[in-house]
Amino acid sequence: MLSLTHGHTRKYYQTLNDNPKLEWVAVYAETETVKNNFLKWGYDIPCYMDEKEMFDKHPDIEAVVMASANYIHLRQFRECAKRGIHVLSMKIPTFDMDEYAEIEELVEKSGIVCHVELEMHYNPVTTRLYEMIARNELGKISAINATNITLSPVWAFPWQGIPEQSYGKRVSLKPGDKRFRGGALSDHPHVFDMIRWLTNSEFDYVYAEAGPNIRQDIEVEDILLVNGKMKNGVSFLFDPSWSRLEERLEVPAPGWEIFPKRMEVNLAISGENGVILADCFGPNVYHNGKPNDRYTVQYTYFDEWIGMMDEFVDCVRNKKMPKINLKWHRKTIEAMNACYESISSGKPVCL
């Protein structure tokens, strides 16, 4: 694993440790704080403070989880491509489309596999929705309303609140606004990806607005709404906000969330034959108890990471193209950039 500074990092610890198809070789920690946090989990895995030292000492490494801030992905892709190391990349390879093109070229020329982490494809609720739509059970789809709302990871993973590290550069959200691109929208590509997958269509136009922040002390956006239409005529309304409040813990742990939920990924799909509502993370246990004798969530749901990592292994071993590859994901990143352009201009943006 590289860097260990992404919000999904801790989940990968468990997946790499438990999945029998994987042999966890080493990790690179970006800072002493990150290293100390990793060591607390008790994994008997070598931890390095230099990624090149890790690669040099472990030539048997075949693949990495790129669990790093968005702004250093290109540098890490260059290193992995040079060494022929396959990559499971976090959700945003880069927002800079010139950099994105270079990453695509690096992957193609080196022959490595690059799988972009969008684990909702392996969620059984969304898989069932996909199958129902493919069987035309709802008839012609007219609209999709989707939420991807969470608490903010900024306190545990500070780079997500630093525009230069999250968005890649410092770009004002809109004229006269003191906030910058790189907040909640940049953390939540899932809804943009899911509607493309579920409708088998691409974006026609998007219109986005950012509301007043509920966290006054961060300089990126935390509340926004996006609507628009797909090229096949399906209308959509997305809420990809950090609208769930959190305890400002430096290390994610039980008790991080404040009532009512840590996150919600919900979909409402309207078709000519009916409407279906789906709560993709519903089966959890909520209780008052440890660590602070107050509201806490205990996750009990299925593990999408298992299916995603199994596909990644299959693609590496059998030289296959991942379902969520860079070419596929480019359209999602382009739509998210269009949302930022819409917030800035106050107008719809066509794609």
Protein backbone atom coordinates (compact mmCIF):
# COMPACT_ATOMS: atom_id res chain seq x y z
CA MET A 1 0.00 0.00 0.00
CA LEU A 2 1.13 3.53 -0.79
CA SER A 3 0.86 6.52 1.57
CA LEU A 4 -2.00 5.21 3.82
CA THR A 5 -3.65 8.64 3.86
CA HIS A 6 -6.96 7.91 2.13
CA GLY A 7 -10.21 7.47 4.05
CA HIS A 8 -10.63 3.88 2.85
CA THR A 9 -7.18 2.83 4.02
CA ARG A 10 -8.24 1.05 7.18
CA LYS A 11 -10.71 -1.07 5.23
CA TYR A 12 -7.90 -2.20 2.97
CA TYR A 13 -5.87 -3.32 5.99
CA GLN A 14 -8.59 -5.86 6.74
CA THR A 15 -9.08 -6.87 3.10
CA LEU A 16 -5.38 -7.38 2.40
CA ASN A 17 -4.98 -9.31 5.62
CA ASP A 18 -8.04 -11.57 5.27
CA ASN A 19 -8.37 -12.25 1.53
CA PRO A 20 -6.68 -15.61 0.78
CA LYS A 21 -5.96 -14.49 -2.80
CA LEU A 22 -3.64 -11.76 -1.56
CA GLU A 23 -0.24 -11.80 0.14
CA TRP A 24 0.27 -8.48 1.86
CA VAL A 25 3.96 -7.64 1.42
CA ALA A 26 4.65 -4.12 2.71
CA VAL A 27 3.31 -0.59 3.21
CA TYR A 28 4.68 2.89 2.70
CA ALA A 29 3.58 5.45 5.29
CA GLU A 30 3.74 9.09 4.26
CA THR A 31 4.44 10.51 7.75
CA GLU A 32 5.48 9.33 11.19
CA THR A 33 1.94 9.97 12.42
CA VAL A 34 0.52 7.74 9.70
CA LYS A 35 3.13 5.07 10.47
CA ASN A 36 2.31 5.12 14.18
CA ASN A 37 -1.41 4.84 13.45
CA PHE A 38 -0.76 1.83 11.23
CA LEU A 39 1.47 0.12 13.81
CA LYS A 40 -1.32 0.40 16.41
CA TRP A 41 -3.38 -2.13 14.45
CA GLY A 42 -0.85 -4.85 15.16
CA TYR A 43 -0.29 -6.08 11.60
CA ASP A 44 3.05 -7.83 11.14
CA ILE A 45 3.77 -6.04 7.87
CA PRO A 46 7.00 -4.07 7.12
CA CYS A 47 6.30 -0.35 7.11
CA TYR A 48 8.60 2.04 5.20
CA MET A 49 8.94 5.81 5.14
CA ASP A 50 10.11 5.83 1.52
CA GLU A 51 8.14 4.18 -1.28
CA LYS A 52 11.21 3.56 -3.47
CA GLU A 53 12.95 1.82 -0.57
CA MET A 54 9.87 -0.37 -0.16
CA PHE A 55 9.88 -1.31 -3.84
CA ASP A 56 13.66 -1.90 -3.90
CA LYS A 57 13.56 -4.19 -0.85
CA HIS A 58 10.51 -6.11 -2.09
CA PRO A 59 10.93 -6.87 -5.81
CA ASP A 60 8.18 -9.49 -5.39
CA ILE A 61 5.52 -6.75 -5.15
CA GLU A 62 3.14 -7.24 -8.09
CA ALA A 63 0.48 -4.65 -7.29
CA VAL A 64 -0.29 -1.74 -4.99
CA VAL A 65 -3.30 -0.04 -3.46
CA MET A 66 -2.69 3.65 -4.17
CA ALA A 67 -4.18 5.01 -0.94
CA SER A 68 -2.83 8.54 -1.27
CA ALA A 69 -3.87 12.16 -1.75
CA ASN A 70 -5.11 12.97 -5.25
CA TYR A 71 -2.31 15.39 -6.09
CA ILE A 72 0.49 12.79 -5.92
CA HIS A 73 -1.21 10.06 -7.94
CA LEU A 74 0.59 10.97 -11.16
CA ARG A 75 4.01 10.71 -9.50
CA GLN A 76 3.12 7.32 -8.04
CA PHE A 77 1.73 6.09 -11.36
CA ARG A 78 5.04 6.99 -13.00
CA GLU A 79 6.94 4.93 -10.43
CA CYS A 80 4.59 1.96 -10.72
CA ALA A 81 4.58 2.01 -14.53
CA LYS A 82 8.40 2.11 -14.56
CA ARG A 83 8.51 -0.96 -12.33
CA GLY A 84 5.63 -2.84 -14.01
CA ILE A 85 3.51 -2.77 -10.84
CA HIS A 86 -0.28 -3.00 -11.20
CA VAL A 87 -2.42 -0.33 -9.51
CA LEU A 88 -5.70 -0.22 -7.64
CA SER A 89 -6.19 3.54 -7.62
CA MET A 90 -8.35 5.60 -5.32
CA LYS A 91 -11.51 7.19 -6.67
CA ILE A 92 -9.95 10.29 -8.25
CA PRO A 93 -6.82 9.52 -10.30
CA THR A 94 -6.60 13.29 -10.97
CA PHE A 95 -8.90 16.19 -11.87
CA ASP A 96 -6.33 17.58 -14.30
CA MET A 97 -7.27 16.07 -17.65
CA ASP A 98 -3.74 16.50 -19.06
CA GLU A 99 -2.43 14.49 -16.12
CA TYR A 100 -5.25 12.00 -16.65
CA ALA A 101 -4.13 11.53 -20.26
CA GLU A 102 -0.55 10.93 -19.11
CA ILE A 103 -1.72 8.34 -16.57
CA GLU A 104 -3.69 6.56 -19.31
CA GLU A 105 -0.61 6.56 -21.54
CA LEU A 106 1.63 5.26 -18.74
CA VAL A 107 -0.76 2.39 -18.05
CA GLU A 108 -1.17 1.48 -21.73
CA LYS A 109 2.53 1.59 -22.60
CA SER A 110 3.67 -0.34 -19.51
CA GLY A 111 0.95 -2.97 -19.82
CA ILE A 112 0.02 -2.75 -16.16
CA VAL A 113 -3.55 -3.17 -14.91
CA CYS A 114 -5.20 -0.07 -13.44
CA HIS A 115 -8.46 -0.63 -11.59
CA VAL A 116 -10.18 2.49 -10.21
CA GLU A 117 -11.74 2.00 -6.79
CA LEU A 118 -15.51 2.42 -7.14
CA GLU A 119 -16.72 -0.27 -4.80
CA MET A 120 -20.44 0.43 -5.29
CA HIS A 121 -20.31 -1.80 -8.38
CA TYR A 122 -19.83 -4.72 -5.97
CA ASN A 123 -22.64 -3.74 -3.61
CA PRO A 124 -25.42 -6.36 -3.92
CA VAL A 125 -28.16 -3.74 -3.64
CA THR A 126 -26.89 -1.80 -6.65
CA THR A 127 -26.14 -5.04 -8.50
CA ARG A 128 -29.78 -6.07 -8.05
CA LEU A 129 -30.92 -2.65 -9.29
CA TYR A 130 -28.74 -3.04 -12.36
CA GLU A 131 -30.22 -6.46 -13.09
CA MET A 132 -33.81 -5.21 -12.62
CA ILE A 133 -33.23 -2.31 -15.00
CA ALA A 134 -31.52 -4.60 -17.53
CA ARG A 135 -34.60 -6.90 -17.40
CA ASN A 136 -36.81 -3.83 -17.99
CA GLU A 137 -38.81 -4.54 -14.83
CA LEU A 138 -39.39 -0.83 -14.21
CA GLY A 139 -40.08 -0.08 -17.85
CA LYS A 140 -38.51 2.99 -19.39
CA ILE A 141 -36.55 4.89 -16.73
CA SER A 142 -37.41 8.57 -16.45
CA ALA A 143 -35.49 9.78 -13.39
CA ILE A 144 -32.95 8.83 -10.74
CA ASN A 145 -32.52 10.58 -7.40
CA ALA A 146 -29.34 9.58 -5.57
CA THR A 147 -27.56 10.55 -2.37
CA ASN A 148 -23.97 9.96 -1.37
CA ILE A 149 -23.89 11.86 1.91
CA THR A 150 -21.29 11.32 4.60
CA LEU A 151 -19.42 12.94 7.42
CA SER A 152 -16.27 14.83 6.47
CA PRO A 153 -12.94 12.99 6.43
CA VAL A 154 -10.93 16.22 6.69
CA TRP A 155 -10.04 15.84 10.37
CA ALA A 156 -8.51 12.37 9.95
CA PHE A 157 -7.19 12.93 6.42
CA PRO A 158 -6.29 16.63 6.24
CA TRP A 159 -5.33 16.63 2.54
CA GLN A 160 -9.04 16.35 1.68
CA GLY A 161 -9.50 19.88 3.00
CA ILE A 162 -6.49 21.33 1.16
CA PRO A 163 -7.49 22.42 -2.38
CA GLU A 164 -3.99 21.94 -3.83
CA GLN A 165 -3.90 18.34 -2.57
CA SER A 166 -7.51 17.34 -3.19
CA TYR A 167 -8.46 19.16 -6.40
CA GLY A 168 -4.84 19.58 -7.49
CA LYS A 169 -4.73 23.37 -7.49
CA ARG A 170 -6.32 26.34 -5.81
CA VAL A 171 -9.42 27.31 -7.80
CA SER A 172 -12.11 29.55 -6.29
CA LEU A 173 -15.49 27.86 -6.08
CA LYS A 174 -17.14 30.87 -7.75
CA PRO A 175 -16.52 34.60 -8.09
CA GLY A 176 -16.55 36.30 -4.70
CA ASP A 177 -16.58 33.00 -2.79
CA LYS A 178 -13.84 32.35 -0.24
CA ARG A 179 -14.08 28.58 -0.71
CA PHE A 180 -12.19 26.44 -3.21
CA ARG A 181 -12.77 23.30 -5.27
CA GLY A 182 -11.81 20.01 -3.70
CA GLY A 183 -14.35 19.22 -0.97
CA ALA A 184 -17.42 16.98 -0.81
CA LEU A 185 -17.85 16.76 -4.57
CA SER A 186 -14.29 15.52 -5.02
CA ASP A 187 -14.91 12.84 -2.38
CA HIS A 188 -18.11 11.46 -3.92
CA PRO A 189 -17.77 10.25 -7.53
CA HIS A 190 -20.01 7.26 -6.82
CA VAL A 191 -23.35 8.81 -7.81
CA PHE A 192 -21.89 10.06 -11.10
CA ASP A 193 -20.46 6.64 -11.82
CA MET A 194 -23.58 4.72 -10.75
CA ILE A 195 -26.02 6.54 -13.04
CA ARG A 196 -23.75 5.87 -16.03
CA TRP A 197 -23.64 2.19 -15.12
CA LEU A 198 -27.35 1.82 -14.31
CA THR A 199 -28.63 3.68 -17.39
CA ASN A 200 -25.88 2.66 -19.83
CA SER A 201 -25.76 6.29 -20.91
CA GLU A 202 -23.52 9.35 -20.65
CA PHE A 203 -24.11 12.86 -19.33
CA ASP A 204 -25.82 15.39 -21.58
CA TYR A 205 -25.60 18.35 -19.19
CA VAL A 206 -25.17 19.10 -15.50
CA TYR A 207 -26.19 22.02 -13.30
CA ALA A 208 -24.74 22.34 -9.79
CA GLU A 209 -25.06 24.70 -6.84
CA ALA A 210 -23.06 24.83 -3.60
CA GLY A 211 -24.89 25.83 -0.44
CA PRO A 212 -23.43 27.61 2.59
CA ASN A 213 -20.95 25.40 4.44
CA ILE A 214 -22.06 23.79 7.68
CA ARG A 215 -18.37 23.64 8.63
CA GLN A 216 -17.28 27.26 8.65
CA ASP A 217 -13.62 26.50 9.31
CA ILE A 218 -12.81 24.50 6.16
CA GLU A 219 -11.98 26.17 2.84
CA VAL A 220 -13.58 23.63 0.49
CA GLU A 221 -17.26 22.99 -0.21
CA ASP A 222 -19.24 20.60 1.99
CA ILE A 223 -22.85 21.04 0.73
CA LEU A 224 -24.04 20.89 -2.87
CA LEU A 225 -26.74 19.62 -5.22
CA VAL A 226 -26.39 18.50 -8.83
CA ASN A 227 -29.08 17.93 -11.42
CA GLY A 228 -29.22 17.39 -15.14
CA LYS A 229 -30.00 14.87 -17.84
CA MET A 230 -28.38 11.88 -19.48
CA LYS A 231 -28.13 11.53 -23.26
CA ASN A 232 -30.88 8.90 -23.21
CA GLY A 233 -33.28 11.36 -21.55
CA VAL A 234 -33.06 10.17 -17.92
CA SER A 235 -33.18 13.12 -15.50
CA PHE A 236 -31.20 13.03 -12.27
CA LEU A 237 -30.81 14.81 -8.94
CA PHE A 238 -27.71 14.10 -6.84
CA ASP A 239 -26.79 15.06 -3.30
CA PRO A 240 -23.03 14.32 -2.88
CA SER A 241 -22.56 16.36 0.32
CA TRP A 242 -20.69 16.08 3.60
CA SER A 243 -24.02 16.68 5.38
CA ARG A 244 -23.52 14.20 8.23
CA LEU A 245 -21.74 15.70 11.18
CA GLU A 246 -18.76 14.08 12.89
CA GLU A 247 -16.58 14.12 15.94
CA ARG A 248 -13.27 15.59 14.79
CA LEU A 249 -11.17 12.54 15.46
CA GLU A 250 -7.67 12.21 14.03
CA VAL A 251 -8.18 8.48 13.55
CA PRO A 252 -11.55 7.10 12.33
CA ALA A 253 -13.15 4.91 14.96
CA PRO A 254 -16.54 4.04 16.48
CA GLY A 255 -18.06 7.25 17.78
CA TRP A 256 -16.85 9.31 14.82
CA GLU A 257 -20.43 9.81 13.63
CA ILE A 258 -23.06 12.06 15.16
CA PHE A 259 -26.76 11.09 14.88
CA PRO A 260 -28.43 10.12 12.60
CA LYS A 261 -25.95 8.19 10.38
CA ARG A 262 -22.34 8.16 9.31
CA MET A 263 -23.32 7.94 5.65
CA GLU A 264 -26.24 7.25 3.36
CA VAL A 265 -26.14 6.00 -0.21
CA ASN A 266 -29.74 5.93 -1.37
CA LEU A 267 -31.29 5.63 -4.81
CA ALA A 268 -34.85 6.32 -5.98
CA ILE A 269 -35.44 5.14 -9.54
CA SER A 270 -38.63 6.07 -11.39
CA GLY A 271 -39.85 4.11 -14.39
CA GLU A 272 -43.06 3.87 -16.38
CA ASN A 273 -44.00 0.70 -14.45
CA GLY A 274 -43.18 1.92 -10.95
CA VAL A 275 -40.63 3.34 -8.54
CA ILE A 276 -37.99 1.53 -6.49
CA LEU A 277 -36.19 2.88 -3.42
CA ALA A 278 -32.86 1.41 -2.32
CA ASP A 279 -30.80 1.96 0.82
CA CYS A 280 -27.37 0.63 -0.10
CA PHE A 281 -26.02 0.70 3.48
CA GLY A 282 -29.12 -0.05 5.51
CA PRO A 283 -28.34 -3.24 7.46
CA ASN A 284 -26.32 -1.76 10.33
CA VAL A 285 -26.68 -1.85 14.10
CA TYR A 286 -27.16 1.48 15.86
CA HIS A 287 -26.76 1.71 19.60
CA ASN A 288 -25.88 3.92 22.56
CA GLY A 289 -22.65 2.66 24.03
CA LYS A 290 -18.90 2.65 23.59
CA PRO A 291 -16.81 4.69 23.31
CA ASN A 292 -18.70 7.70 24.69
CA ASP A 293 -21.99 6.21 25.90
CA ARG A 294 -23.83 7.77 22.99
CA TYR A 295 -24.99 7.05 19.47
CA THR A 296 -22.67 4.66 17.61
CA VAL A 297 -22.96 2.60 14.43
CA GLN A 298 -21.68 -0.95 14.05
CA TYR A 299 -21.40 -1.97 10.41
CA THR A 300 -22.86 -5.40 9.69
CA TYR A 301 -23.32 -5.22 5.91
CA PHE A 302 -21.73 -7.13 3.06
CA ASP A 303 -18.16 -6.38 2.06
CA GLU A 304 -17.88 -4.85 -1.40
CA TRP A 305 -14.11 -4.78 -1.15
CA ILE A 306 -13.95 -8.58 -1.42
CA GLY A 307 -15.62 -8.62 -4.84
CA MET A 308 -13.59 -5.66 -6.04
CA MET A 309 -10.26 -7.18 -4.99
CA ASP A 310 -11.23 -10.54 -6.47
CA GLU A 311 -11.83 -8.86 -9.84
CA PHE A 312 -8.53 -6.99 -9.55
CA VAL A 313 -6.67 -10.25 -8.91
CA ASP A 314 -8.43 -11.90 -11.86
CA CYS A 315 -7.48 -9.00 -14.17
CA VAL A 316 -3.82 -9.12 -13.08
CA ARG A 317 -3.53 -12.90 -13.33
CA ASN A 318 -5.43 -13.27 -16.61
CA LYS A 319 -4.48 -9.98 -18.29
CA LYS A 320 -8.05 -8.65 -18.38
CA MET A 321 -9.33 -5.08 -18.50
CA PRO A 322 -11.10 -4.10 -15.24
CA LYS A 323 -14.72 -3.07 -15.49
CA ILE A 324 -13.81 0.26 -13.86
CA ASN A 325 -10.81 1.22 -15.94
CA LEU A 326 -9.31 4.64 -16.68
CA LYS A 327 -11.08 5.04 -20.03
CA TRP A 328 -14.46 4.28 -18.41
CA HIS A 329 -13.81 6.53 -15.41
CA ARG A 330 -12.71 9.52 -17.51
CA LYS A 331 -16.39 10.39 -18.25
CA THR A 332 -17.13 10.54 -14.52
CA ILE A 333 -14.22 12.90 -13.85
CA GLU A 334 -15.26 15.09 -16.79
CA ALA A 335 -18.78 15.34 -15.34
CA MET A 336 -17.43 16.28 -11.90
CA ASN A 337 -15.24 19.00 -13.43
CA ALA A 338 -18.33 20.23 -15.28
CA CYS A 339 -20.13 20.50 -11.94
CA TYR A 340 -17.39 22.78 -10.62
CA GLU A 341 -17.65 24.85 -13.81
CA SER A 342 -21.42 25.10 -13.31
CA ILE A 343 -21.03 26.22 -9.68
CA SER A 344 -18.62 28.90 -10.86
CA SER A 345 -20.70 30.17 -13.78
CA GLY A 346 -24.18 29.62 -12.35
CA LYS A 347 -25.17 27.97 -15.63
CA PRO A 348 -25.67 24.43 -16.93
CA VAL A 349 -22.66 22.83 -18.59
CA CYS A 350 -23.04 20.50 -21.57
CA LEU A 351 -20.76 17.52 -21.98
